[in-house]
Amino acid sequence: MNRRDLLKMITAATGVAFMGDVMAYVEFPSVPLKNTGFTKDDVAYMNEIGEIILPRTDTPGAKDADVGSMMAVLVADCYTPALQKTFRDGLVKLNETAKEKYNKAFLLLSDKEKLALLSELDAQARDYNSDKGLRGVDTARPNAWGPEEVSVVPHYFSLIKQLVLFCFFTSRVGGTQVLRYDPIPTRYDGNVPYKKGQGAWATS
């Protein structure tokens, strides 16, 4: 899966165009956590949310990829102030919603309760985004996303879910153990068929 296909998948899964100027695949954040404004507890919290969205089965889950650490860096470095506020406030609101519904914090819920809560928030997010006139756009267009301020910010759970998906599938774990991985280059082949408009190969 290439980056363009991934962004299309995230848009379809969240019902709104992917937010943030995230232009490169990430293996592991090199930015110290203290520079992001998030704490280790925040990272653990985001990993727990991610694990409900992408649980470990016969393949690794969100915790295995430590999506929380990557999410912290991307929010701090790639989100606009408005998106940052919505995301951070959303983490607080999600926990408050858990307390209102189950009388305990999100981390203390059973997996069944966590799934029920996130499923409810996902449905709310889709209705909210639809009411605000937000919808998936053609992410194949280079300018379909970017660092510019948006006039209407999506529901906070959409932002959380988008980053969980993006961080997982662009991690080493998600990219090599869940997606089909074809390392480049594997061998030299000087006679590869060329298709008109095909781009050049690139390696990281």
N, C-alpha and C. Protein backbone atom coordinates (compact mmCIF):
# COMPACT_ATOMS: atom_id res chain seq x y z
N MET A 1 0.85 -1.19 0.00
CA MET A 1 0.00 0.00 0.00
C MET A 1 0.88 1.24 0.00
N ASN A 2 0.67 2.14 -0.97
CA ASN A 2 1.46 3.37 -0.97
C ASN A 2 0.74 4.45 -0.18
N ARG A 3 1.42 5.59 -0.03
CA ARG A 3 0.88 6.65 0.82
C ARG A 3 -0.48 7.15 0.33
N ARG A 4 -0.61 7.28 -0.98
CA ARG A 4 -1.87 7.78 -1.53
C ARG A 4 -3.02 6.82 -1.22
N ASP A 5 -2.77 5.53 -1.40
CA ASP A 5 -3.81 4.54 -1.09
C ASP A 5 -4.14 4.55 0.40
N LEU A 6 -3.12 4.74 1.23
CA LEU A 6 -3.34 4.79 2.67
C LEU A 6 -4.24 5.96 3.04
N LEU A 7 -3.97 7.13 2.48
CA LEU A 7 -4.79 8.29 2.78
C LEU A 7 -6.23 8.11 2.31
N LYS A 8 -6.40 7.46 1.17
CA LYS A 8 -7.75 7.17 0.70
C LYS A 8 -8.47 6.23 1.67
N MET A 9 -7.73 5.23 2.16
CA MET A 9 -8.32 4.29 3.10
C MET A 9 -8.72 4.99 4.39
N ILE A 10 -7.86 5.87 4.89
CA ILE A 10 -8.16 6.59 6.13
C ILE A 10 -9.37 7.50 5.94
N THR A 11 -9.45 8.15 4.78
CA THR A 11 -10.59 9.00 4.48
C THR A 11 -11.88 8.20 4.47
N ALA A 12 -11.84 7.01 3.85
CA ALA A 12 -13.03 6.16 3.79
C ALA A 12 -13.41 5.66 5.19
N ALA A 13 -12.41 5.34 6.00
CA ALA A 13 -12.67 4.78 7.33
C ALA A 13 -13.19 5.81 8.31
N THR A 14 -12.86 7.09 8.11
CA THR A 14 -13.26 8.13 9.05
C THR A 14 -14.33 9.06 8.50
N GLY A 15 -14.58 8.97 7.20
CA GLY A 15 -15.63 9.80 6.61
C GLY A 15 -15.25 11.24 6.41
N VAL A 16 -13.98 11.57 6.60
CA VAL A 16 -13.52 12.95 6.41
C VAL A 16 -12.08 12.90 5.94
N ALA A 17 -11.70 13.89 5.14
CA ALA A 17 -10.36 13.91 4.58
C ALA A 17 -9.30 13.90 5.67
N PHE A 18 -8.20 13.24 5.40
CA PHE A 18 -7.11 13.16 6.37
C PHE A 18 -6.58 14.55 6.68
N MET A 19 -6.41 14.84 7.97
CA MET A 19 -5.96 16.16 8.41
C MET A 19 -4.49 16.13 8.78
N GLY A 20 -3.79 17.20 8.45
CA GLY A 20 -2.39 17.33 8.86
C GLY A 20 -1.46 17.20 7.69
N ASP A 21 -0.37 17.93 7.75
CA ASP A 21 0.61 17.92 6.67
C ASP A 21 1.65 16.85 6.97
N VAL A 22 1.21 15.60 6.90
CA VAL A 22 2.10 14.48 7.19
C VAL A 22 2.60 13.93 5.87
N MET A 23 3.80 14.31 5.50
CA MET A 23 4.29 14.03 4.15
C MET A 23 5.21 12.81 4.06
N ALA A 24 5.64 12.27 5.18
CA ALA A 24 6.61 11.17 5.11
C ALA A 24 6.19 10.01 5.99
N TYR A 25 6.61 8.82 5.60
CA TYR A 25 6.38 7.66 6.43
C TYR A 25 7.28 7.73 7.66
N VAL A 26 6.77 7.26 8.77
CA VAL A 26 7.48 7.40 10.03
C VAL A 26 7.81 6.02 10.58
N GLU A 27 9.08 5.78 10.93
CA GLU A 27 9.42 4.52 11.57
C GLU A 27 9.30 4.66 13.07
N PHE A 28 9.90 5.68 13.63
CA PHE A 28 9.79 5.93 15.06
C PHE A 28 10.16 7.38 15.31
N PRO A 29 9.43 8.06 16.14
CA PRO A 29 9.70 9.48 16.34
C PRO A 29 11.05 9.73 16.99
N SER A 30 11.82 10.66 16.42
CA SER A 30 13.11 11.01 16.98
C SER A 30 12.98 12.23 17.90
N VAL A 31 11.82 12.86 17.89
CA VAL A 31 11.59 14.03 18.74
C VAL A 31 11.35 13.58 20.18
N PRO A 32 12.06 14.14 21.15
CA PRO A 32 11.83 13.77 22.55
C PRO A 32 10.38 14.06 22.95
N LEU A 33 9.80 13.17 23.72
CA LEU A 33 8.41 13.31 24.12
C LEU A 33 8.17 14.63 24.84
N LYS A 34 9.15 15.08 25.64
CA LYS A 34 8.99 16.32 26.40
C LYS A 34 8.80 17.53 25.49
N ASN A 35 9.22 17.41 24.23
CA ASN A 35 9.08 18.52 23.28
C ASN A 35 7.72 18.54 22.59
N THR A 36 6.89 17.55 22.84
CA THR A 36 5.59 17.48 22.18
C THR A 36 4.46 18.04 23.02
N GLY A 37 4.69 18.19 24.33
CA GLY A 37 3.61 18.65 25.21
C GLY A 37 2.77 17.51 25.73
N PHE A 38 3.10 16.27 25.32
CA PHE A 38 2.40 15.09 25.82
C PHE A 38 3.27 14.40 26.87
N THR A 39 2.63 13.60 27.72
CA THR A 39 3.34 12.86 28.76
C THR A 39 3.33 11.36 28.44
N LYS A 40 4.07 10.59 29.24
CA LYS A 40 4.06 9.14 29.08
C LYS A 40 2.67 8.58 29.34
N ASP A 41 1.95 9.19 30.27
CA ASP A 41 0.58 8.75 30.53
C ASP A 41 -0.32 9.02 29.32
N ASP A 42 -0.10 10.15 28.65
CA ASP A 42 -0.87 10.46 27.44
C ASP A 42 -0.61 9.41 26.36
N VAL A 43 0.66 9.05 26.22
CA VAL A 43 1.04 8.05 25.21
C VAL A 43 0.39 6.71 25.52
N ALA A 44 0.41 6.31 26.79
CA ALA A 44 -0.21 5.05 27.19
C ALA A 44 -1.72 5.09 26.92
N TYR A 45 -2.32 6.22 27.19
CA TYR A 45 -3.76 6.42 26.94
C TYR A 45 -4.07 6.30 25.45
N MET A 46 -3.27 6.96 24.61
CA MET A 46 -3.49 6.88 23.16
C MET A 46 -3.25 5.48 22.64
N ASN A 47 -2.28 4.77 23.23
CA ASN A 47 -2.05 3.39 22.82
C ASN A 47 -3.25 2.50 23.15
N GLU A 48 -3.88 2.76 24.30
CA GLU A 48 -5.07 1.98 24.69
C GLU A 48 -6.23 2.24 23.74
N ILE A 49 -6.41 3.51 23.37
CA ILE A 49 -7.45 3.83 22.39
C ILE A 49 -7.15 3.14 21.06
N GLY A 50 -5.88 3.24 20.66
CA GLY A 50 -5.48 2.62 19.40
C GLY A 50 -5.68 1.12 19.39
N GLU A 51 -5.44 0.48 20.52
CA GLU A 51 -5.56 -0.98 20.58
C GLU A 51 -7.00 -1.45 20.41
N ILE A 52 -7.96 -0.61 20.79
CA ILE A 52 -9.37 -0.95 20.56
C ILE A 52 -9.71 -0.78 19.08
N ILE A 53 -9.14 0.22 18.45
CA ILE A 53 -9.39 0.46 17.03
C ILE A 53 -8.68 -0.59 16.18
N LEU A 54 -7.43 -0.91 16.54
CA LEU A 54 -6.65 -1.92 15.82
C LEU A 54 -6.07 -2.91 16.84
N PRO A 55 -6.88 -3.87 17.28
CA PRO A 55 -6.42 -4.81 18.32
C PRO A 55 -5.48 -5.87 17.75
N ARG A 56 -4.68 -6.42 18.64
CA ARG A 56 -3.82 -7.54 18.24
C ARG A 56 -4.68 -8.78 18.05
N THR A 57 -4.51 -9.45 16.93
CA THR A 57 -5.19 -10.72 16.65
C THR A 57 -4.09 -11.72 16.30
N ASP A 58 -4.14 -12.28 15.09
CA ASP A 58 -3.03 -13.10 14.64
C ASP A 58 -1.93 -12.22 14.05
N THR A 59 -2.19 -10.93 14.01
CA THR A 59 -1.20 -9.94 13.58
C THR A 59 -1.07 -8.89 14.69
N PRO A 60 0.01 -8.10 14.69
CA PRO A 60 0.22 -7.10 15.74
C PRO A 60 -0.89 -6.05 15.78
N GLY A 61 -1.03 -5.42 16.94
CA GLY A 61 -2.00 -4.35 17.11
C GLY A 61 -1.33 -3.01 17.32
N ALA A 62 -2.14 -2.02 17.64
CA ALA A 62 -1.65 -0.64 17.77
C ALA A 62 -0.59 -0.50 18.86
N LYS A 63 -0.74 -1.23 19.96
CA LYS A 63 0.25 -1.15 21.04
C LYS A 63 1.60 -1.66 20.58
N ASP A 64 1.58 -2.70 19.77
CA ASP A 64 2.84 -3.26 19.28
C ASP A 64 3.62 -2.24 18.47
N ALA A 65 2.90 -1.35 17.81
CA ALA A 65 3.54 -0.31 17.01
C ALA A 65 3.80 0.96 17.81
N ASP A 66 3.34 0.99 19.06
CA ASP A 66 3.48 2.18 19.91
C ASP A 66 2.96 3.43 19.20
N VAL A 67 1.73 3.33 18.70
CA VAL A 67 1.17 4.44 17.93
C VAL A 67 1.07 5.72 18.75
N GLY A 68 0.92 5.59 20.07
CA GLY A 68 0.78 6.77 20.91
C GLY A 68 1.97 7.71 20.82
N SER A 69 3.18 7.14 20.78
CA SER A 69 4.38 7.97 20.67
C SER A 69 4.43 8.72 19.35
N MET A 70 4.03 8.05 18.30
CA MET A 70 4.04 8.67 16.97
C MET A 70 2.95 9.73 16.87
N MET A 71 1.79 9.45 17.47
CA MET A 71 0.69 10.40 17.44
C MET A 71 1.09 11.70 18.13
N ALA A 72 1.79 11.59 19.26
CA ALA A 72 2.21 12.78 20.00
C ALA A 72 3.09 13.68 19.14
N VAL A 73 4.03 13.08 18.43
CA VAL A 73 4.95 13.85 17.58
C VAL A 73 4.20 14.50 16.42
N LEU A 74 3.32 13.75 15.78
CA LEU A 74 2.63 14.28 14.60
C LEU A 74 1.66 15.41 14.97
N VAL A 75 0.98 15.26 16.11
CA VAL A 75 0.08 16.35 16.55
C VAL A 75 0.90 17.60 16.83
N ALA A 76 2.03 17.45 17.51
CA ALA A 76 2.85 18.61 17.88
C ALA A 76 3.50 19.26 16.67
N ASP A 77 3.91 18.45 15.71
CA ASP A 77 4.69 18.98 14.58
C ASP A 77 3.88 19.27 13.32
N CYS A 78 2.75 18.59 13.15
CA CYS A 78 2.05 18.66 11.85
C CYS A 78 0.64 19.23 11.93
N TYR A 79 0.08 19.37 13.12
CA TYR A 79 -1.27 19.90 13.23
C TYR A 79 -1.25 21.41 13.44
N THR A 80 -2.24 22.06 12.89
CA THR A 80 -2.42 23.49 13.13
C THR A 80 -2.88 23.70 14.57
N PRO A 81 -2.78 24.90 15.08
CA PRO A 81 -3.24 25.15 16.46
C PRO A 81 -4.69 24.72 16.70
N ALA A 82 -5.56 24.96 15.71
CA ALA A 82 -6.96 24.58 15.87
C ALA A 82 -7.11 23.06 15.96
N LEU A 83 -6.38 22.33 15.13
CA LEU A 83 -6.45 20.87 15.16
C LEU A 83 -5.81 20.32 16.43
N GLN A 84 -4.72 20.94 16.85
CA GLN A 84 -4.07 20.52 18.10
C GLN A 84 -5.03 20.65 19.28
N LYS A 85 -5.72 21.79 19.35
CA LYS A 85 -6.65 22.02 20.47
C LYS A 85 -7.78 21.01 20.43
N THR A 86 -8.33 20.76 19.25
CA THR A 86 -9.42 19.80 19.12
C THR A 86 -8.96 18.41 19.54
N PHE A 87 -7.76 18.04 19.12
CA PHE A 87 -7.25 16.71 19.45
C PHE A 87 -7.02 16.57 20.95
N ARG A 88 -6.32 17.54 21.53
CA ARG A 88 -6.01 17.47 22.96
C ARG A 88 -7.27 17.54 23.82
N ASP A 89 -8.16 18.46 23.47
CA ASP A 89 -9.42 18.55 24.21
C ASP A 89 -10.23 17.27 24.04
N GLY A 90 -10.11 16.66 22.86
CA GLY A 90 -10.84 15.43 22.59
C GLY A 90 -10.41 14.27 23.46
N LEU A 91 -9.11 14.19 23.74
CA LEU A 91 -8.63 13.13 24.64
C LEU A 91 -9.26 13.28 26.02
N VAL A 92 -9.38 14.52 26.47
CA VAL A 92 -10.00 14.79 27.77
C VAL A 92 -11.49 14.45 27.72
N LYS A 93 -12.14 14.89 26.65
CA LYS A 93 -13.59 14.67 26.53
C LYS A 93 -13.92 13.18 26.43
N LEU A 94 -13.08 12.43 25.73
CA LEU A 94 -13.31 10.99 25.61
C LEU A 94 -13.29 10.34 26.99
N ASN A 95 -12.34 10.73 27.81
CA ASN A 95 -12.25 10.17 29.16
C ASN A 95 -13.44 10.60 30.02
N GLU A 96 -13.85 11.86 29.86
CA GLU A 96 -15.01 12.35 30.61
C GLU A 96 -16.28 11.61 30.19
N THR A 97 -16.40 11.32 28.91
CA THR A 97 -17.56 10.57 28.41
C THR A 97 -17.59 9.17 29.00
N ALA A 98 -16.42 8.55 29.14
CA ALA A 98 -16.34 7.23 29.76
C ALA A 98 -16.82 7.28 31.20
N LYS A 99 -16.43 8.32 31.92
CA LYS A 99 -16.84 8.47 33.33
C LYS A 99 -18.34 8.70 33.44
N GLU A 100 -18.89 9.50 32.50
CA GLU A 100 -20.33 9.77 32.52
C GLU A 100 -21.14 8.52 32.23
N LYS A 101 -20.62 7.71 31.30
CA LYS A 101 -21.37 6.55 30.84
C LYS A 101 -21.17 5.33 31.75
N TYR A 102 -19.95 5.16 32.25
CA TYR A 102 -19.63 3.95 33.01
C TYR A 102 -19.13 4.23 34.44
N ASN A 103 -19.07 5.50 34.82
CA ASN A 103 -18.60 5.89 36.15
C ASN A 103 -17.15 5.48 36.43
N LYS A 104 -16.36 5.39 35.39
CA LYS A 104 -14.93 5.11 35.56
C LYS A 104 -14.16 5.59 34.34
N ALA A 105 -12.88 5.82 34.53
CA ALA A 105 -12.04 6.34 33.46
C ALA A 105 -11.92 5.32 32.33
N PHE A 106 -11.57 5.80 31.15
CA PHE A 106 -11.47 4.94 29.97
C PHE A 106 -10.53 3.76 30.20
N LEU A 107 -9.39 4.02 30.83
CA LEU A 107 -8.41 2.96 31.03
C LEU A 107 -8.89 1.86 31.95
N LEU A 108 -9.93 2.13 32.75
CA LEU A 108 -10.47 1.14 33.68
C LEU A 108 -11.63 0.35 33.09
N LEU A 109 -12.05 0.71 31.89
CA LEU A 109 -13.16 0.00 31.25
C LEU A 109 -12.70 -1.36 30.75
N SER A 110 -13.65 -2.27 30.61
CA SER A 110 -13.36 -3.55 29.97
C SER A 110 -13.20 -3.30 28.47
N ASP A 111 -12.61 -4.25 27.78
CA ASP A 111 -12.45 -4.10 26.33
C ASP A 111 -13.81 -3.97 25.65
N LYS A 112 -14.81 -4.68 26.16
CA LYS A 112 -16.16 -4.60 25.58
C LYS A 112 -16.73 -3.20 25.76
N GLU A 113 -16.53 -2.61 26.93
CA GLU A 113 -17.02 -1.27 27.20
C GLU A 113 -16.27 -0.23 26.36
N LYS A 114 -14.96 -0.41 26.24
CA LYS A 114 -14.16 0.50 25.42
C LYS A 114 -14.64 0.47 23.96
N LEU A 115 -14.87 -0.72 23.45
CA LEU A 115 -15.32 -0.85 22.06
C LEU A 115 -16.69 -0.21 21.87
N ALA A 116 -17.58 -0.41 22.82
CA ALA A 116 -18.92 0.17 22.73
C ALA A 116 -18.83 1.70 22.74
N LEU A 117 -17.99 2.24 23.60
CA LEU A 117 -17.83 3.69 23.69
C LEU A 117 -17.25 4.27 22.42
N LEU A 118 -16.18 3.67 21.91
CA LEU A 118 -15.54 4.19 20.69
C LEU A 118 -16.44 4.03 19.47
N SER A 119 -17.22 2.96 19.44
CA SER A 119 -18.17 2.78 18.34
C SER A 119 -19.23 3.88 18.35
N GLU A 120 -19.67 4.24 19.55
CA GLU A 120 -20.66 5.31 19.71
C GLU A 120 -20.06 6.66 19.28
N LEU A 121 -18.82 6.91 19.67
CA LEU A 121 -18.15 8.16 19.29
C LEU A 121 -17.90 8.21 17.79
N ASP A 122 -17.61 7.06 17.20
CA ASP A 122 -17.37 7.01 15.75
C ASP A 122 -18.64 7.40 15.00
N ALA A 123 -19.78 6.90 15.46
CA ALA A 123 -21.06 7.24 14.83
C ALA A 123 -21.37 8.72 15.02
N GLN A 124 -21.10 9.24 16.23
CA GLN A 124 -21.31 10.66 16.49
C GLN A 124 -20.43 11.53 15.59
N ALA A 125 -19.19 11.08 15.40
CA ALA A 125 -18.25 11.84 14.58
C ALA A 125 -18.74 11.93 13.13
N ARG A 126 -19.23 10.83 12.62
CA ARG A 126 -19.71 10.83 11.23
C ARG A 126 -20.91 11.78 11.08
N ASP A 127 -21.82 11.75 12.05
CA ASP A 127 -22.97 12.66 12.00
C ASP A 127 -22.52 14.11 12.11
N TYR A 128 -21.60 14.37 13.03
CA TYR A 128 -21.09 15.73 13.24
C TYR A 128 -20.42 16.25 11.98
N ASN A 129 -19.53 15.45 11.40
CA ASN A 129 -18.81 15.88 10.21
C ASN A 129 -19.75 16.10 9.03
N SER A 130 -20.77 15.26 8.95
CA SER A 130 -21.75 15.41 7.88
C SER A 130 -22.55 16.70 8.06
N ASP A 131 -22.96 16.98 9.29
CA ASP A 131 -23.72 18.19 9.58
C ASP A 131 -22.90 19.45 9.29
N LYS A 132 -21.58 19.36 9.48
CA LYS A 132 -20.70 20.50 9.24
C LYS A 132 -20.29 20.62 7.77
N GLY A 133 -20.80 19.71 6.95
CA GLY A 133 -20.47 19.77 5.53
C GLY A 133 -19.11 19.20 5.19
N LEU A 134 -18.51 18.48 6.14
CA LEU A 134 -17.22 17.85 5.88
C LEU A 134 -17.45 16.48 5.28
N ARG A 135 -16.64 16.15 4.33
CA ARG A 135 -16.74 14.83 3.73
C ARG A 135 -15.38 14.49 3.14
N GLY A 136 -15.24 13.23 2.78
CA GLY A 136 -13.98 12.79 2.19
C GLY A 136 -13.74 13.50 0.87
N VAL A 137 -12.52 13.91 0.64
CA VAL A 137 -12.16 14.52 -0.63
C VAL A 137 -11.21 13.60 -1.35
N ASP A 138 -10.91 13.94 -2.60
CA ASP A 138 -10.02 13.12 -3.41
C ASP A 138 -8.59 13.31 -2.91
N THR A 139 -8.12 12.38 -2.09
CA THR A 139 -6.79 12.52 -1.53
C THR A 139 -5.70 12.19 -2.54
N ALA A 140 -6.10 11.85 -3.75
CA ALA A 140 -5.09 11.66 -4.79
C ALA A 140 -4.54 13.00 -5.24
N ARG A 141 -5.30 14.07 -4.97
CA ARG A 141 -4.82 15.41 -5.34
C ARG A 141 -3.82 15.89 -4.30
N PRO A 142 -2.64 16.35 -4.70
CA PRO A 142 -1.61 16.75 -3.75
C PRO A 142 -2.07 17.82 -2.77
N ASN A 143 -2.98 18.68 -3.18
CA ASN A 143 -3.39 19.80 -2.32
C ASN A 143 -4.66 19.51 -1.53
N ALA A 144 -5.00 18.23 -1.43
CA ALA A 144 -6.21 17.86 -0.69
C ALA A 144 -6.01 17.93 0.82
N TRP A 145 -4.77 18.07 1.25
CA TRP A 145 -4.49 18.22 2.66
C TRP A 145 -3.33 19.20 2.79
N GLY A 146 -3.06 19.64 3.99
CA GLY A 146 -1.95 20.58 4.13
C GLY A 146 -1.97 21.27 5.47
N PRO A 147 -0.99 22.12 5.71
CA PRO A 147 -0.86 22.74 7.02
C PRO A 147 -1.76 23.95 7.24
N GLU A 148 -2.45 24.36 6.20
CA GLU A 148 -3.26 25.57 6.34
C GLU A 148 -4.41 25.36 7.32
N GLU A 149 -4.82 26.45 7.94
CA GLU A 149 -5.95 26.37 8.86
C GLU A 149 -7.22 25.97 8.11
N VAL A 150 -8.03 25.16 8.75
CA VAL A 150 -9.31 24.78 8.15
C VAL A 150 -10.40 25.58 8.83
N SER A 151 -11.42 25.94 8.09
CA SER A 151 -12.49 26.77 8.64
C SER A 151 -13.37 25.97 9.59
N VAL A 152 -13.55 24.67 9.30
CA VAL A 152 -14.36 23.81 10.16
C VAL A 152 -13.50 22.62 10.55
N VAL A 153 -13.32 22.42 11.83
CA VAL A 153 -12.49 21.32 12.32
C VAL A 153 -13.36 20.08 12.51
N PRO A 154 -12.91 18.93 12.07
CA PRO A 154 -13.68 17.70 12.25
C PRO A 154 -13.89 17.33 13.71
N HIS A 155 -14.76 16.39 13.94
CA HIS A 155 -14.98 15.85 15.29
C HIS A 155 -13.67 15.30 15.82
N TYR A 156 -13.46 15.45 17.12
CA TYR A 156 -12.18 15.04 17.71
C TYR A 156 -11.89 13.56 17.51
N PHE A 157 -12.93 12.72 17.53
CA PHE A 157 -12.66 11.29 17.39
C PHE A 157 -12.18 10.96 15.99
N SER A 158 -12.60 11.72 15.00
CA SER A 158 -12.09 11.51 13.64
C SER A 158 -10.59 11.74 13.60
N LEU A 159 -10.12 12.79 14.28
CA LEU A 159 -8.69 13.08 14.31
C LEU A 159 -7.93 11.96 15.01
N ILE A 160 -8.47 11.47 16.12
CA ILE A 160 -7.82 10.39 16.86
C ILE A 160 -7.74 9.13 16.00
N LYS A 161 -8.85 8.76 15.40
CA LYS A 161 -8.90 7.53 14.61
C LYS A 161 -7.98 7.63 13.40
N GLN A 162 -7.95 8.80 12.76
CA GLN A 162 -7.08 8.98 11.60
C GLN A 162 -5.62 8.75 11.97
N LEU A 163 -5.20 9.33 13.08
CA LEU A 163 -3.79 9.19 13.46
C LEU A 163 -3.46 7.77 13.90
N VAL A 164 -4.38 7.09 14.56
CA VAL A 164 -4.14 5.70 14.92
C VAL A 164 -3.87 4.88 13.66
N LEU A 165 -4.72 5.04 12.66
CA LEU A 165 -4.56 4.29 11.41
C LEU A 165 -3.27 4.66 10.70
N PHE A 166 -3.02 5.97 10.58
CA PHE A 166 -1.83 6.42 9.86
C PHE A 166 -0.56 5.94 10.56
N CYS A 167 -0.49 6.12 11.87
CA CYS A 167 0.72 5.76 12.61
C CYS A 167 0.96 4.26 12.59
N PHE A 168 -0.11 3.48 12.64
CA PHE A 168 0.07 2.04 12.62
C PHE A 168 0.57 1.55 11.27
N PHE A 169 -0.09 1.97 10.21
CA PHE A 169 0.26 1.42 8.90
C PHE A 169 1.53 2.02 8.30
N THR A 170 2.05 3.07 8.91
CA THR A 170 3.33 3.60 8.46
C THR A 170 4.46 3.23 9.41
N SER A 171 4.16 2.42 10.44
CA SER A 171 5.19 1.94 11.35
C SER A 171 5.85 0.71 10.75
N ARG A 172 7.00 0.34 11.31
CA ARG A 172 7.67 -0.88 10.86
C ARG A 172 6.78 -2.10 11.08
N VAL A 173 6.13 -2.15 12.24
CA VAL A 173 5.26 -3.29 12.56
C VAL A 173 4.11 -3.39 11.56
N GLY A 174 3.39 -2.30 11.39
CA GLY A 174 2.24 -2.32 10.49
C GLY A 174 2.63 -2.50 9.04
N GLY A 175 3.74 -1.88 8.66
CA GLY A 175 4.16 -1.92 7.26
C GLY A 175 4.77 -3.23 6.82
N THR A 176 5.34 -3.98 7.76
CA THR A 176 6.02 -5.23 7.37
C THR A 176 5.30 -6.49 7.84
N GLN A 177 4.52 -6.39 8.92
CA GLN A 177 3.87 -7.59 9.45
C GLN A 177 2.38 -7.66 9.17
N VAL A 178 1.80 -6.54 8.78
CA VAL A 178 0.36 -6.53 8.48
C VAL A 178 0.13 -6.28 7.00
N LEU A 179 0.74 -5.22 6.47
CA LEU A 179 0.66 -4.98 5.03
C LEU A 179 1.65 -5.88 4.31
N ARG A 180 1.44 -6.06 3.04
CA ARG A 180 2.40 -6.82 2.24
C ARG A 180 3.63 -5.94 2.02
N TYR A 181 4.77 -6.44 2.35
CA TYR A 181 6.00 -5.65 2.31
C TYR A 181 6.89 -6.14 1.18
N ASP A 182 7.25 -5.24 0.30
CA ASP A 182 8.14 -5.56 -0.81
C ASP A 182 9.33 -4.63 -0.74
N PRO A 183 10.43 -5.08 -0.14
CA PRO A 183 11.59 -4.20 0.02
C PRO A 183 12.17 -3.78 -1.32
N ILE A 184 12.59 -2.52 -1.40
CA ILE A 184 13.15 -1.98 -2.63
C ILE A 184 14.51 -1.37 -2.28
N PRO A 185 15.58 -1.64 -3.01
CA PRO A 185 15.59 -2.62 -4.11
C PRO A 185 15.88 -4.02 -3.59
N THR A 186 15.39 -5.03 -4.28
CA THR A 186 15.69 -6.42 -3.94
C THR A 186 16.84 -6.92 -4.79
N ARG A 187 16.83 -6.58 -6.05
CA ARG A 187 17.90 -6.97 -6.97
C ARG A 187 17.87 -6.00 -8.14
N TYR A 188 18.95 -5.95 -8.87
CA TYR A 188 18.98 -5.07 -10.03
C TYR A 188 18.33 -5.77 -11.22
N ASP A 189 17.45 -5.06 -11.86
CA ASP A 189 16.82 -5.55 -13.09
C ASP A 189 16.83 -4.41 -14.08
N GLY A 190 17.67 -4.50 -15.07
CA GLY A 190 17.79 -3.43 -16.06
C GLY A 190 16.77 -3.49 -17.18
N ASN A 191 15.81 -4.41 -17.05
CA ASN A 191 14.83 -4.57 -18.12
C ASN A 191 13.42 -4.60 -17.57
N VAL A 192 13.12 -3.64 -16.68
CA VAL A 192 11.78 -3.55 -16.10
C VAL A 192 10.86 -2.85 -17.09
N PRO A 193 9.71 -3.45 -17.40
CA PRO A 193 8.78 -2.79 -18.34
C PRO A 193 8.39 -1.40 -17.86
N TYR A 194 8.35 -0.45 -18.76
CA TYR A 194 7.99 0.93 -18.41
C TYR A 194 6.59 1.22 -18.90
N LYS A 195 5.80 1.83 -18.02
CA LYS A 195 4.46 2.26 -18.39
C LYS A 195 4.44 3.78 -18.44
N LYS A 196 3.79 4.32 -19.42
CA LYS A 196 3.75 5.77 -19.60
C LYS A 196 3.23 6.45 -18.34
N GLY A 197 3.98 7.46 -17.88
CA GLY A 197 3.58 8.21 -16.70
C GLY A 197 4.08 7.61 -15.40
N GLN A 198 4.74 6.46 -15.48
CA GLN A 198 5.22 5.80 -14.27
C GLN A 198 6.38 6.58 -13.66
N GLY A 199 6.35 6.76 -12.34
CA GLY A 199 7.42 7.49 -11.66
C GLY A 199 8.64 6.62 -11.45
N ALA A 200 9.73 7.25 -11.06
CA ALA A 200 10.97 6.52 -10.80
C ALA A 200 10.89 5.82 -9.45
N TRP A 201 11.67 4.77 -9.30
CA TRP A 201 11.75 4.08 -8.02
C TRP A 201 12.46 4.96 -7.01
N ALA A 202 12.11 4.82 -5.77
CA ALA A 202 12.78 5.56 -4.71
C ALA A 202 12.93 4.65 -3.51
N THR A 203 14.01 4.83 -2.77
CA THR A 203 14.21 4.07 -1.54
C THR A 203 14.38 5.03 -0.40
N SER A 204 14.10 4.57 0.81
CA SER A 204 14.22 5.44 1.97
C SER A 204 15.60 5.33 2.58
